[in-house]
Amino acid sequence: MTIVPGTRLGRYEIRSKIAEGGMGEVYLAEDTRLKRKVALKLLPAELTANRDRLRRFEQEARSASALNHPNIITIHEIGESGRWHYLVTELIDGETLRQRLNQGRIELPAALEIAREVASALIAAHQAGIVHRDIKPENIMLRRDGLVKVLDFGLAKLTESSTSGLSSNAPTRAQVNTETGMVMGTARYMSPEQARGQKVDARTDIFSFGVVFYEMITGRAPFEGETASDVLAAILKSEPQPLANGAHEVPRELEHIISRALRKDPERRYQVVKDLLLDLEDLKEAERTICSCQAATAASLVG
């Protein structure tokens, strides 16, 4: 149910709705005590009704709120007002990576910088024992000043024990380790182990990161299908088309980075994000050197 402007939830006064998705509605709100604007995510009642599920979410969200990293959204508070449960975060002035991708593929220098900052966020989270489980363009914000922010750490915990249907653009669905055949994550960005309903670890974020990175470079997802089941089948059985099919002059090193992130066997993937980040930084430095040499050559020809 949409909350009308002027409604008070605790010390927060609703101003307007910002967005709506499977994991709840997001509002622009005023913190009446600290006199600042915040983003307030109203969590779905059907998910918060389960107290055990809500407790797991709150534990992980508190852990995420302790992360002090420039590329991770700041969580101010987890609150409850009447029948409403909500998450209060910093307000980000910018657009989602999905909105940016809707304009077309992203040029290599910009894609490398976005990937580098997302990787930095994941390193911090994984070192704190937090696996995101739902890395996708909708959960990555690009601030107007260029800074990248990863959103929604902890929200995947809300969907544990959910058995409702899955669509290719669905909200997060979850697995419980003691049950099989239950999946967690948005279909197009799931790892194979998520698609199988198996136990996941930090390497599942690496696979999802690879899917997002592939999409930034080519403008399309590596695993596609008409239905969610088709997408999951592609994730489990198919290999993505070479990057060069969707982008020109793709460095061989980039093919290697994304290919390794998208390996179906977690043991053959990057094992930690730090190794992936180091390869990204090496590639970025190599691209910078090439650009400098090309500029010097052009200048000498003009001269």
C-alpha atoms as a PDB file:
ATOM      1  CA  MET A   1       0.000   0.000   0.000  1.00  0.00           C
ATOM      2  CA  THR A   2       1.402   3.373  -1.019  1.00  0.00           C
ATOM      3  CA  ILE A   3       1.912   5.823   1.848  1.00  0.00           C
ATOM      4  CA  VAL A   4       0.646   9.342   1.229  1.00  0.00           C
ATOM      5  CA  PRO A   5       2.937  12.372   1.651  1.00  0.00           C
ATOM      6  CA  GLY A   6       2.891  13.785   5.165  1.00  0.00           C
ATOM      7  CA  THR A   7       2.603  10.368   6.848  1.00  0.00           C
ATOM      8  CA  ARG A   8       4.924   9.958   9.845  1.00  0.00           C
ATOM      9  CA  LEU A   9       6.814   6.719  10.471  1.00  0.00           C
ATOM     10  CA  GLY A  10       8.672   7.261  13.697  1.00  0.00           C
ATOM     11  CA  ARG A  11      10.636  10.467  13.267  1.00  0.00           C
ATOM     12  CA  TYR A  12      10.477  10.257   9.459  1.00  0.00           C
ATOM     13  CA  GLU A  13       7.934  12.221   7.449  1.00  0.00           C
ATOM     14  CA  ILE A  14       7.139  10.903   3.979  1.00  0.00           C
ATOM     15  CA  ARG A  15       7.586  13.417   1.146  1.00  0.00           C
ATOM     16  CA  SER A  16       7.110  11.385  -2.055  1.00  0.00           C
ATOM     17  CA  LYS A  17       7.564   7.955  -3.589  1.00  0.00           C
ATOM     18  CA  ILE A  18      10.894   7.482  -5.366  1.00  0.00           C
ATOM     19  CA  ALA A  19      10.649   3.927  -6.663  1.00  0.00           C
ATOM     20  CA  GLU A  20       8.815   0.636  -6.339  1.00  0.00           C
ATOM     21  CA  GLY A  21      10.095  -2.916  -6.723  1.00  0.00           C
ATOM     22  CA  GLY A  22       9.749  -6.462  -5.514  1.00  0.00           C
ATOM     23  CA  MET A  23      11.599  -5.711  -2.294  1.00  0.00           C
ATOM     24  CA  GLY A  24       9.409  -2.767  -1.327  1.00  0.00           C
ATOM     25  CA  GLU A  25       8.551   0.834  -2.049  1.00  0.00           C
ATOM     26  CA  VAL A  26      11.160   3.558  -1.636  1.00  0.00           C
ATOM     27  CA  TYR A  27      10.245   7.036  -0.429  1.00  0.00           C
ATOM     28  CA  LEU A  28      11.915  10.377  -0.069  1.00  0.00           C
ATOM     29  CA  ALA A  29      11.497  11.232   3.606  1.00  0.00           C
ATOM     30  CA  GLU A  30      12.531  13.933   6.043  1.00  0.00           C
ATOM     31  CA  ASP A  31      14.365  13.004   9.228  1.00  0.00           C
ATOM     32  CA  THR A  32      12.551  15.473  11.499  1.00  0.00           C
ATOM     33  CA  ARG A  33      15.123  15.144  14.269  1.00  0.00           C
ATOM     34  CA  LEU A  34      18.303  15.625  12.244  1.00  0.00           C
ATOM     35  CA  LYS A  35      16.656  17.783   9.559  1.00  0.00           C
ATOM     36  CA  ARG A  36      17.983  15.822   6.602  1.00  0.00           C
ATOM     37  CA  LYS A  37      16.498  14.047   3.620  1.00  0.00           C
ATOM     38  CA  VAL A  38      16.782  10.253   3.567  1.00  0.00           C
ATOM     39  CA  ALA A  39      15.580   7.307   1.523  1.00  0.00           C
ATOM     40  CA  LEU A  40      13.061   5.129   3.365  1.00  0.00           C
ATOM     41  CA  LYS A  41      12.396   1.644   2.001  1.00  0.00           C
ATOM     42  CA  LEU A  42       9.088   0.219   3.160  1.00  0.00           C
ATOM     43  CA  LEU A  43       9.491  -3.541   3.439  1.00  0.00           C
ATOM     44  CA  PRO A  44       6.708  -5.826   2.123  1.00  0.00           C
ATOM     45  CA  ALA A  45       4.320  -6.980   4.834  1.00  0.00           C
ATOM     46  CA  GLU A  46       4.192 -10.527   3.457  1.00  0.00           C
ATOM     47  CA  LEU A  47       7.937 -10.834   4.056  1.00  0.00           C
ATOM     48  CA  THR A  48       8.206  -9.123   7.422  1.00  0.00           C
ATOM     49  CA  ALA A  49       5.307 -11.098   8.896  1.00  0.00           C
ATOM     50  CA  ASN A  50       7.678 -14.017   9.497  1.00  0.00           C
ATOM     51  CA  ARG A  51       9.520 -13.029  12.676  1.00  0.00           C
ATOM     52  CA  ASP A  52      12.400 -15.460  12.175  1.00  0.00           C
ATOM     53  CA  ARG A  53      12.946 -14.223   8.635  1.00  0.00           C
ATOM     54  CA  LEU A  54      12.787 -10.624   9.827  1.00  0.00           C
ATOM     55  CA  ARG A  55      15.311 -11.362  12.558  1.00  0.00           C
ATOM     56  CA  ARG A  56      17.783 -12.796  10.024  1.00  0.00           C
ATOM     57  CA  PHE A  57      17.370  -9.719   7.866  1.00  0.00           C
ATOM     58  CA  GLU A  58      17.891  -7.372  10.800  1.00  0.00           C
ATOM     59  CA  GLN A  59      21.059  -9.175  11.840  1.00  0.00           C
ATOM     60  CA  GLU A  60      22.559  -8.881   8.380  1.00  0.00           C
ATOM     61  CA  ALA A  61      21.378  -5.295   7.894  1.00  0.00           C
ATOM     62  CA  ARG A  62      23.021  -4.311  11.183  1.00  0.00           C
ATOM     63  CA  SER A  63      26.234  -5.927  10.005  1.00  0.00           C
ATOM     64  CA  ALA A  64      25.972  -4.040   6.710  1.00  0.00           C
ATOM     65  CA  SER A  65      25.332  -0.781   8.555  1.00  0.00           C
ATOM     66  CA  ALA A  66      28.691  -1.203  10.277  1.00  0.00           C
ATOM     67  CA  LEU A  67      30.490  -1.239   6.926  1.00  0.00           C
ATOM     68  CA  ASN A  68      32.257   2.071   6.439  1.00  0.00           C
ATOM     69  CA  HIS A  69      33.041   2.135   2.734  1.00  0.00           C
ATOM     70  CA  PRO A  70      32.514   4.858   0.126  1.00  0.00           C
ATOM     71  CA  ASN A  71      30.960   2.421  -2.379  1.00  0.00           C
ATOM     72  CA  ILE A  72      28.402   0.922   0.027  1.00  0.00           C
ATOM     73  CA  ILE A  73      25.202   2.768   0.828  1.00  0.00           C
ATOM     74  CA  THR A  74      25.015   3.994   4.410  1.00  0.00           C
ATOM     75  CA  ILE A  75      22.231   2.387   6.462  1.00  0.00           C
ATOM     76  CA  HIS A  76      20.945   4.786   9.110  1.00  0.00           C
ATOM     77  CA  GLU A  77      18.260   2.731  10.820  1.00  0.00           C
ATOM     78  CA  ILE A  78      15.961  -0.285  10.764  1.00  0.00           C
ATOM     79  CA  GLY A  79      12.613   0.844  12.106  1.00  0.00           C
ATOM     80  CA  GLU A  80       9.076  -0.214  12.871  1.00  0.00           C
ATOM     81  CA  SER A  81       5.966   1.948  13.090  1.00  0.00           C
ATOM     82  CA  GLY A  82       2.644   0.219  13.627  1.00  0.00           C
ATOM     83  CA  ARG A  83       2.434  -2.528  11.022  1.00  0.00           C
ATOM     84  CA  TRP A  84       5.184  -1.026   8.889  1.00  0.00           C
ATOM     85  CA  HIS A  85       8.814  -2.140   8.896  1.00  0.00           C
ATOM     86  CA  TYR A  86      11.297   0.060   7.086  1.00  0.00           C
ATOM     87  CA  LEU A  87      14.954   0.579   6.283  1.00  0.00           C
ATOM     88  CA  VAL A  88      16.388   4.112   6.283  1.00  0.00           C
ATOM     89  CA  THR A  89      19.466   4.902   4.200  1.00  0.00           C
ATOM     90  CA  GLU A  90      21.332   7.856   2.818  1.00  0.00           C
ATOM     91  CA  LEU A  91      19.633   9.560  -0.113  1.00  0.00           C
ATOM     92  CA  ILE A  92      21.640   9.136  -3.323  1.00  0.00           C
ATOM     93  CA  ASP A  93      21.472  11.773  -6.028  1.00  0.00           C
ATOM     94  CA  GLY A  94      21.881   9.855  -9.254  1.00  0.00           C
ATOM     95  CA  GLU A  95      20.568   6.952 -11.326  1.00  0.00           C
ATOM     96  CA  THR A  96      20.687   3.182 -11.171  1.00  0.00           C
ATOM     97  CA  LEU A  97      23.033   1.276 -13.434  1.00  0.00           C
ATOM     98  CA  ARG A  98      19.879  -0.183 -15.027  1.00  0.00           C
ATOM     99  CA  GLN A  99      18.756   3.319 -16.013  1.00  0.00           C
ATOM    100  CA  ARG A 100      22.191   3.971 -17.476  1.00  0.00           C
ATOM    101  CA  LEU A 101      22.180   0.666 -19.384  1.00  0.00           C
ATOM    102  CA  ASN A 102      18.807   1.513 -20.873  1.00  0.00           C
ATOM    103  CA  GLN A 103      20.699   4.140 -22.875  1.00  0.00           C
ATOM    104  CA  GLY A 104      23.024   1.512 -24.365  1.00  0.00           C
ATOM    105  CA  ARG A 105      26.283  -0.239 -23.573  1.00  0.00           C
ATOM    106  CA  ILE A 106      28.901   1.589 -21.531  1.00  0.00           C
ATOM    107  CA  GLU A 107      32.270   2.529 -23.002  1.00  0.00           C
ATOM    108  CA  LEU A 108      35.233   0.586 -21.662  1.00  0.00           C
ATOM    109  CA  PRO A 109      36.883   3.286 -19.476  1.00  0.00           C
ATOM    110  CA  ALA A 110      33.606   4.047 -17.680  1.00  0.00           C
ATOM    111  CA  ALA A 111      32.700   0.347 -17.375  1.00  0.00           C
ATOM    112  CA  LEU A 112      36.098  -0.426 -15.862  1.00  0.00           C
ATOM    113  CA  GLU A 113      35.684   2.317 -13.254  1.00  0.00           C
ATOM    114  CA  ILE A 114      32.168   1.170 -12.311  1.00  0.00           C
ATOM    115  CA  ALA A 115      33.392  -2.432 -12.068  1.00  0.00           C
ATOM    116  CA  ARG A 116      36.370  -1.387  -9.964  1.00  0.00           C
ATOM    117  CA  GLU A 117      34.167   0.434  -7.449  1.00  0.00           C
ATOM    118  CA  VAL A 118      31.619  -2.393  -7.231  1.00  0.00           C
ATOM    119  CA  ALA A 119      34.479  -4.835  -6.658  1.00  0.00           C
ATOM    120  CA  SER A 120      35.831  -2.618  -3.877  1.00  0.00           C
ATOM    121  CA  ALA A 121      32.419  -2.670  -2.186  1.00  0.00           C
ATOM    122  CA  LEU A 122      32.212  -6.457  -2.419  1.00  0.00           C
ATOM    123  CA  ILE A 123      35.689  -6.886  -0.960  1.00  0.00           C
ATOM    124  CA  ALA A 124      34.659  -4.889   2.116  1.00  0.00           C
ATOM    125  CA  ALA A 125      31.407  -6.821   2.506  1.00  0.00           C
ATOM    126  CA  HIS A 126      32.992 -10.238   2.039  1.00  0.00           C
ATOM    127  CA  GLN A 127      35.737  -9.445   4.528  1.00  0.00           C
ATOM    128  CA  ALA A 128      32.950  -8.715   7.025  1.00  0.00           C
ATOM    129  CA  GLY A 129      31.302 -12.039   6.228  1.00  0.00           C
ATOM    130  CA  ILE A 130      28.420 -10.551   4.214  1.00  0.00           C
ATOM    131  CA  VAL A 131      27.403 -12.049   0.867  1.00  0.00           C
ATOM    132  CA  HIS A 132      25.095  -9.764  -1.116  1.00  0.00           C
ATOM    133  CA  ARG A 133      23.334 -12.551  -3.103  1.00  0.00           C
ATOM    134  CA  ASP A 134      21.565 -10.185  -5.505  1.00  0.00           C
ATOM    135  CA  ILE A 135      24.116  -8.108  -7.412  1.00  0.00           C
ATOM    136  CA  LYS A 136      22.337  -6.603 -10.430  1.00  0.00           C
ATOM    137  CA  PRO A 137      22.101  -3.208 -12.172  1.00  0.00           C
ATOM    138  CA  GLU A 138      19.068  -2.224 -10.096  1.00  0.00           C
ATOM    139  CA  ASN A 139      21.182  -2.517  -6.938  1.00  0.00           C
ATOM    140  CA  ILE A 140      24.014  -0.324  -8.214  1.00  0.00           C
ATOM    141  CA  MET A 141      23.634   3.455  -8.110  1.00  0.00           C
ATOM    142  CA  LEU A 142      25.727   5.947 -10.074  1.00  0.00           C
ATOM    143  CA  ARG A 143      25.900   9.245  -8.239  1.00  0.00           C
ATOM    144  CA  ARG A 144      25.977  12.452 -10.249  1.00  0.00           C
ATOM    145  CA  ASP A 145      29.530  13.094  -9.053  1.00  0.00           C
ATOM    146  CA  GLY A 146      30.607   9.713 -10.458  1.00  0.00           C
ATOM    147  CA  LEU A 147      30.775   7.705  -7.232  1.00  0.00           C
ATOM    148  CA  VAL A 148      29.280   4.208  -7.368  1.00  0.00           C
ATOM    149  CA  LYS A 149      27.112   2.883  -4.534  1.00  0.00           C
ATOM    150  CA  VAL A 150      26.015  -0.727  -4.005  1.00  0.00           C
ATOM    151  CA  LEU A 151      22.563  -1.030  -2.420  1.00  0.00           C
ATOM    152  CA  ASP A 152      20.438  -3.536  -0.543  1.00  0.00           C
ATOM    153  CA  PHE A 153      22.969  -5.529   1.457  1.00  0.00           C
ATOM    154  CA  GLY A 154      20.955  -7.793   3.737  1.00  0.00           C
ATOM    155  CA  LEU A 155      17.630  -7.631   1.907  1.00  0.00           C
ATOM    156  CA  ALA A 156      18.073 -11.124   0.465  1.00  0.00           C
ATOM    157  CA  LYS A 157      17.655 -12.434   4.016  1.00  0.00           C
ATOM    158  CA  LEU A 158      14.026 -11.322   3.976  1.00  0.00           C
ATOM    159  CA  THR A 159      13.115 -13.829   1.290  1.00  0.00           C
ATOM    160  CA  GLU A 160      14.456 -16.944   2.963  1.00  0.00           C
ATOM    161  CA  SER A 161      11.800 -19.681   3.025  1.00  0.00           C
ATOM    162  CA  SER A 162       9.946 -17.992   0.164  1.00  0.00           C
ATOM    163  CA  THR A 163       8.564 -20.500  -2.328  1.00  0.00           C
ATOM    164  CA  SER A 164       6.635 -18.157  -4.612  1.00  0.00           C
ATOM    165  CA  GLY A 165       7.192 -18.146  -8.369  1.00  0.00           C
ATOM    166  CA  LEU A 166      10.236 -16.716 -10.060  1.00  0.00           C
ATOM    167  CA  SER A 167      10.381 -14.412 -13.069  1.00  0.00           C
ATOM    168  CA  SER A 168      13.370 -13.077 -14.973  1.00  0.00           C
ATOM    169  CA  ASN A 169      12.810  -9.648 -13.422  1.00  0.00           C
ATOM    170  CA  ALA A 170      11.411 -10.873 -10.113  1.00  0.00           C
ATOM    171  CA  PRO A 171      12.333  -9.702  -6.656  1.00  0.00           C
ATOM    172  CA  THR A 172      14.885 -11.794  -4.837  1.00  0.00           C
ATOM    173  CA  ARG A 173      13.864 -15.361  -4.016  1.00  0.00           C
ATOM    174  CA  ALA A 174      15.751 -17.311  -1.403  1.00  0.00           C
ATOM    175  CA  GLN A 175      17.080 -20.669  -0.408  1.00  0.00           C
ATOM    176  CA  VAL A 176      17.308 -22.271   3.006  1.00  0.00           C
ATOM    177  CA  ASN A 177      20.378 -24.455   3.389  1.00  0.00           C
ATOM    178  CA  THR A 178      18.358 -27.378   4.722  1.00  0.00           C
ATOM    179  CA  GLU A 179      15.981 -27.375   1.764  1.00  0.00           C
ATOM    180  CA  THR A 180      16.773 -28.096  -1.865  1.00  0.00           C
ATOM    181  CA  GLY A 181      15.280 -26.787  -5.057  1.00  0.00           C
ATOM    182  CA  MET A 182      14.696 -23.263  -3.715  1.00  0.00           C
ATOM    183  CA  VAL A 183      16.387 -20.380  -5.472  1.00  0.00           C
ATOM    184  CA  MET A 184      17.565 -16.935  -4.492  1.00  0.00           C
ATOM    185  CA  GLY A 185      18.415 -13.952  -6.678  1.00  0.00           C
ATOM    186  CA  THR A 186      17.042 -12.288  -9.788  1.00  0.00           C
ATOM    187  CA  ALA A 187      17.096 -14.937 -12.517  1.00  0.00           C
ATOM    188  CA  ARG A 188      19.346 -13.217 -15.090  1.00  0.00           C
ATOM    189  CA  TYR A 189      22.018 -12.559 -12.449  1.00  0.00           C
ATOM    190  CA  MET A 190      21.986 -15.830 -10.557  1.00  0.00           C
ATOM    191  CA  SER A 191      25.012 -18.036 -10.189  1.00  0.00           C
ATOM    192  CA  PRO A 192      24.636 -21.707 -11.168  1.00  0.00           C
ATOM    193  CA  GLU A 193      24.697 -22.711  -7.504  1.00  0.00           C
ATOM    194  CA  GLN A 194      21.843 -20.273  -6.789  1.00  0.00           C
ATOM    195  CA  ALA A 195      19.879 -21.648  -9.729  1.00  0.00           C
ATOM    196  CA  ARG A 196      20.284 -25.141  -8.278  1.00  0.00           C
ATOM    197  CA  GLY A 197      19.194 -24.028  -4.813  1.00  0.00           C
ATOM    198  CA  GLN A 198      22.567 -24.911  -3.327  1.00  0.00           C
ATOM    199  CA  LYS A 199      24.480 -23.238  -0.537  1.00  0.00           C
ATOM    200  CA  VAL A 200      26.131 -20.020  -1.696  1.00  0.00           C
ATOM    201  CA  ASP A 201      29.215 -18.089  -0.624  1.00  0.00           C
ATOM    202  CA  ALA A 202      31.113 -15.001  -1.782  1.00  0.00           C
ATOM    203  CA  ARG A 203      31.797 -16.618  -5.156  1.00  0.00           C
ATOM    204  CA  THR A 204      28.134 -16.287  -6.083  1.00  0.00           C
ATOM    205  CA  ASP A 205      28.570 -12.491  -5.944  1.00  0.00           C
ATOM    206  CA  ILE A 206      31.570 -12.855  -8.260  1.00  0.00           C
ATOM    207  CA  PHE A 207      29.437 -14.659 -10.855  1.00  0.00           C
ATOM    208  CA  SER A 208      26.668 -12.040 -10.631  1.00  0.00           C
ATOM    209  CA  PHE A 209      29.317  -9.329 -10.894  1.00  0.00           C
ATOM    210  CA  GLY A 210      30.545 -11.005 -14.094  1.00  0.00           C
ATOM    211  CA  VAL A 211      27.021 -10.953 -15.544  1.00  0.00           C
ATOM    212  CA  VAL A 212      26.676  -7.230 -14.800  1.00  0.00           C
ATOM    213  CA  PHE A 213      30.132  -6.467 -16.218  1.00  0.00           C
ATOM    214  CA  TYR A 214      29.345  -8.425 -19.413  1.00  0.00           C
ATOM    215  CA  GLU A 215      26.118  -6.443 -19.793  1.00  0.00           C
ATOM    216  CA  MET A 216      27.936  -3.127 -19.363  1.00  0.00           C
ATOM    217  CA  ILE A 217      30.405  -4.001 -22.125  1.00  0.00           C
ATOM    218  CA  THR A 218      28.008  -5.568 -24.643  1.00  0.00           C
ATOM    219  CA  GLY A 219      24.664  -3.958 -23.849  1.00  0.00           C
ATOM    220  CA  ARG A 220      23.000  -7.340 -23.402  1.00  0.00           C
ATOM    221  CA  ALA A 221      22.842 -10.092 -20.781  1.00  0.00           C
ATOM    222  CA  PRO A 222      25.080 -13.163 -21.229  1.00  0.00           C
ATOM    223  CA  PHE A 223      22.244 -15.573 -20.431  1.00  0.00           C
ATOM    224  CA  GLU A 224      18.842 -14.928 -21.951  1.00  0.00           C
ATOM    225  CA  GLY A 225      15.555 -16.703 -22.545  1.00  0.00           C
ATOM    226  CA  GLU A 226      11.846 -16.131 -22.986  1.00  0.00           C
ATOM    227  CA  THR A 227      11.027 -17.348 -19.479  1.00  0.00           C
ATOM    228  CA  ALA A 228      12.835 -17.507 -16.156  1.00  0.00           C
ATOM    229  CA  SER A 229      13.211 -21.263 -16.627  1.00  0.00           C
ATOM    230  CA  ASP A 230      14.901 -20.681 -19.985  1.00  0.00           C
ATOM    231  CA  VAL A 231      17.271 -18.170 -18.387  1.00  0.00           C
ATOM    232  CA  LEU A 232      18.162 -20.580 -15.585  1.00  0.00           C
ATOM    233  CA  ALA A 233      18.752 -23.362 -18.112  1.00  0.00           C
ATOM    234  CA  ALA A 234      21.126 -21.071 -20.028  1.00  0.00           C
ATOM    235  CA  ILE A 235      23.006 -20.198 -16.839  1.00  0.00           C
ATOM    236  CA  LEU A 236      23.446 -23.900 -16.075  1.00  0.00           C
ATOM    237  CA  LYS A 237      24.245 -25.193 -19.552  1.00  0.00           C
ATOM    238  CA  SER A 238      25.185 -22.438 -22.024  1.00  0.00           C
ATOM    239  CA  GLU A 239      28.269 -20.292 -22.519  1.00  0.00           C
ATOM    240  CA  PRO A 240      27.859 -16.591 -23.286  1.00  0.00           C
ATOM    241  CA  GLN A 241      28.692 -15.177 -26.700  1.00  0.00           C
ATOM    242  CA  PRO A 242      32.181 -13.648 -26.965  1.00  0.00           C
ATOM    243  CA  LEU A 243      32.353 -10.027 -25.841  1.00  0.00           C
ATOM    244  CA  ALA A 244      33.533  -8.987 -29.285  1.00  0.00           C
ATOM    245  CA  ASN A 245      30.099  -9.921 -30.698  1.00  0.00           C
ATOM    246  CA  GLY A 246      28.609  -6.970 -28.846  1.00  0.00           C
ATOM    247  CA  ALA A 247      31.514  -4.542 -28.580  1.00  0.00           C
ATOM    248  CA  HIS A 248      34.441  -3.462 -30.736  1.00  0.00           C
ATOM    249  CA  GLU A 249      38.114  -3.771 -29.843  1.00  0.00           C
ATOM    250  CA  VAL A 250      37.662  -5.758 -26.640  1.00  0.00           C
ATOM    251  CA  PRO A 251      41.016  -6.360 -24.916  1.00  0.00           C
ATOM    252  CA  ARG A 252      41.946 -10.009 -24.537  1.00  0.00           C
ATOM    253  CA  GLU A 253      42.548  -9.376 -20.817  1.00  0.00           C
ATOM    254  CA  LEU A 254      38.941  -8.250 -20.423  1.00  0.00           C
ATOM    255  CA  GLU A 255      37.675 -11.429 -22.080  1.00  0.00           C
ATOM    256  CA  HIS A 256      39.756 -13.383 -19.564  1.00  0.00           C
ATOM    257  CA  ILE A 257      38.458 -11.447 -16.532  1.00  0.00           C
ATOM    258  CA  ILE A 258      34.792 -11.824 -17.427  1.00  0.00           C
ATOM    259  CA  SER A 259      35.180 -15.415 -18.596  1.00  0.00           C
ATOM    260  CA  ARG A 260      36.817 -16.367 -15.308  1.00  0.00           C
ATOM    261  CA  ALA A 261      34.120 -14.592 -13.264  1.00  0.00           C
ATOM    262  CA  LEU A 262      31.424 -16.489 -15.223  1.00  0.00           C
ATOM    263  CA  ARG A 263      32.801 -19.993 -14.823  1.00  0.00           C
ATOM    264  CA  LYS A 264      30.005 -22.314 -13.812  1.00  0.00           C
ATOM    265  CA  ASP A 265      32.124 -24.287 -11.364  1.00  0.00           C
ATOM    266  CA  PRO A 266      32.776 -22.038  -8.324  1.00  0.00           C
ATOM    267  CA  GLU A 267      36.141 -23.731  -7.843  1.00  0.00           C
ATOM    268  CA  ARG A 268      37.305 -22.445 -11.235  1.00  0.00           C
ATOM    269  CA  ARG A 269      36.038 -18.900 -10.721  1.00  0.00           C
ATOM    270  CA  TYR A 270      37.932 -16.109  -9.009  1.00  0.00           C
ATOM    271  CA  GLN A 271      37.971 -17.283  -5.403  1.00  0.00           C
ATOM    272  CA  VAL A 272      38.098 -13.794  -3.907  1.00  0.00           C
ATOM    273  CA  VAL A 273      37.099 -10.428  -5.358  1.00  0.00           C
ATOM    274  CA  LYS A 274      40.489  -8.941  -4.531  1.00  0.00           C
ATOM    275  CA  ASP A 275      42.143 -11.032  -7.244  1.00  0.00           C
ATOM    276  CA  LEU A 276      39.519  -9.848  -9.725  1.00  0.00           C
ATOM    277  CA  LEU A 277      40.105  -6.240  -8.688  1.00  0.00           C
ATOM    278  CA  LEU A 278      43.849  -6.579  -9.197  1.00  0.00           C
ATOM    279  CA  ASP A 279      43.243  -7.818 -12.737  1.00  0.00           C
ATOM    280  CA  LEU A 280      40.885  -4.894 -13.353  1.00  0.00           C
ATOM    281  CA  GLU A 281      43.502  -2.425 -12.162  1.00  0.00           C
ATOM    282  CA  ASP A 282      46.152  -4.025 -14.371  1.00  0.00           C
ATOM    283  CA  LEU A 283      43.806  -3.745 -17.344  1.00  0.00           C
ATOM    284  CA  LYS A 284      42.948  -0.138 -16.522  1.00  0.00           C
ATOM    285  CA  GLU A 285      46.642   0.756 -16.347  1.00  0.00           C
ATOM    286  CA  ALA A 286      47.313  -1.010 -19.638  1.00  0.00           C
ATOM    287  CA  GLU A 287      44.449   0.876 -21.311  1.00  0.00           C
ATOM    288  CA  ARG A 288      45.775   4.160 -19.921  1.00  0.00           C
ATOM    289  CA  THR A 289      49.221   3.413 -21.346  1.00  0.00           C
ATOM    290  CA  ILE A 290      47.762   2.578 -24.757  1.00  0.00           C
ATOM    291  CA  CYS A 291      45.753   5.803 -24.811  1.00  0.00           C
ATOM    292  CA  SER A 292      48.835   7.831 -23.853  1.00  0.00           C
ATOM    293  CA  CYS A 293      50.872   6.231 -26.632  1.00  0.00           C
ATOM    294  CA  GLN A 294      48.117   6.827 -29.176  1.00  0.00           C
ATOM    295  CA  ALA A 295      47.857  10.478 -28.128  1.00  0.00           C
ATOM    296  CA  ALA A 296      51.628  10.926 -28.413  1.00  0.00           C
ATOM    297  CA  THR A 297      51.627   9.315 -31.859  1.00  0.00           C
ATOM    298  CA  ALA A 298      48.790  11.532 -33.060  1.00  0.00           C
ATOM    299  CA  ALA A 299      50.570  14.636 -31.741  1.00  0.00           C
ATOM    300  CA  SER A 300      53.793  13.714 -33.540  1.00  0.00           C
ATOM    301  CA  LEU A 301      51.927  13.177 -36.804  1.00  0.00           C
ATOM    302  CA  VAL A 302      50.239  16.556 -36.505  1.00  0.00           C
ATOM    303  CA  GLY A 303      53.569  18.157 -35.657  1.00  0.00           C
END
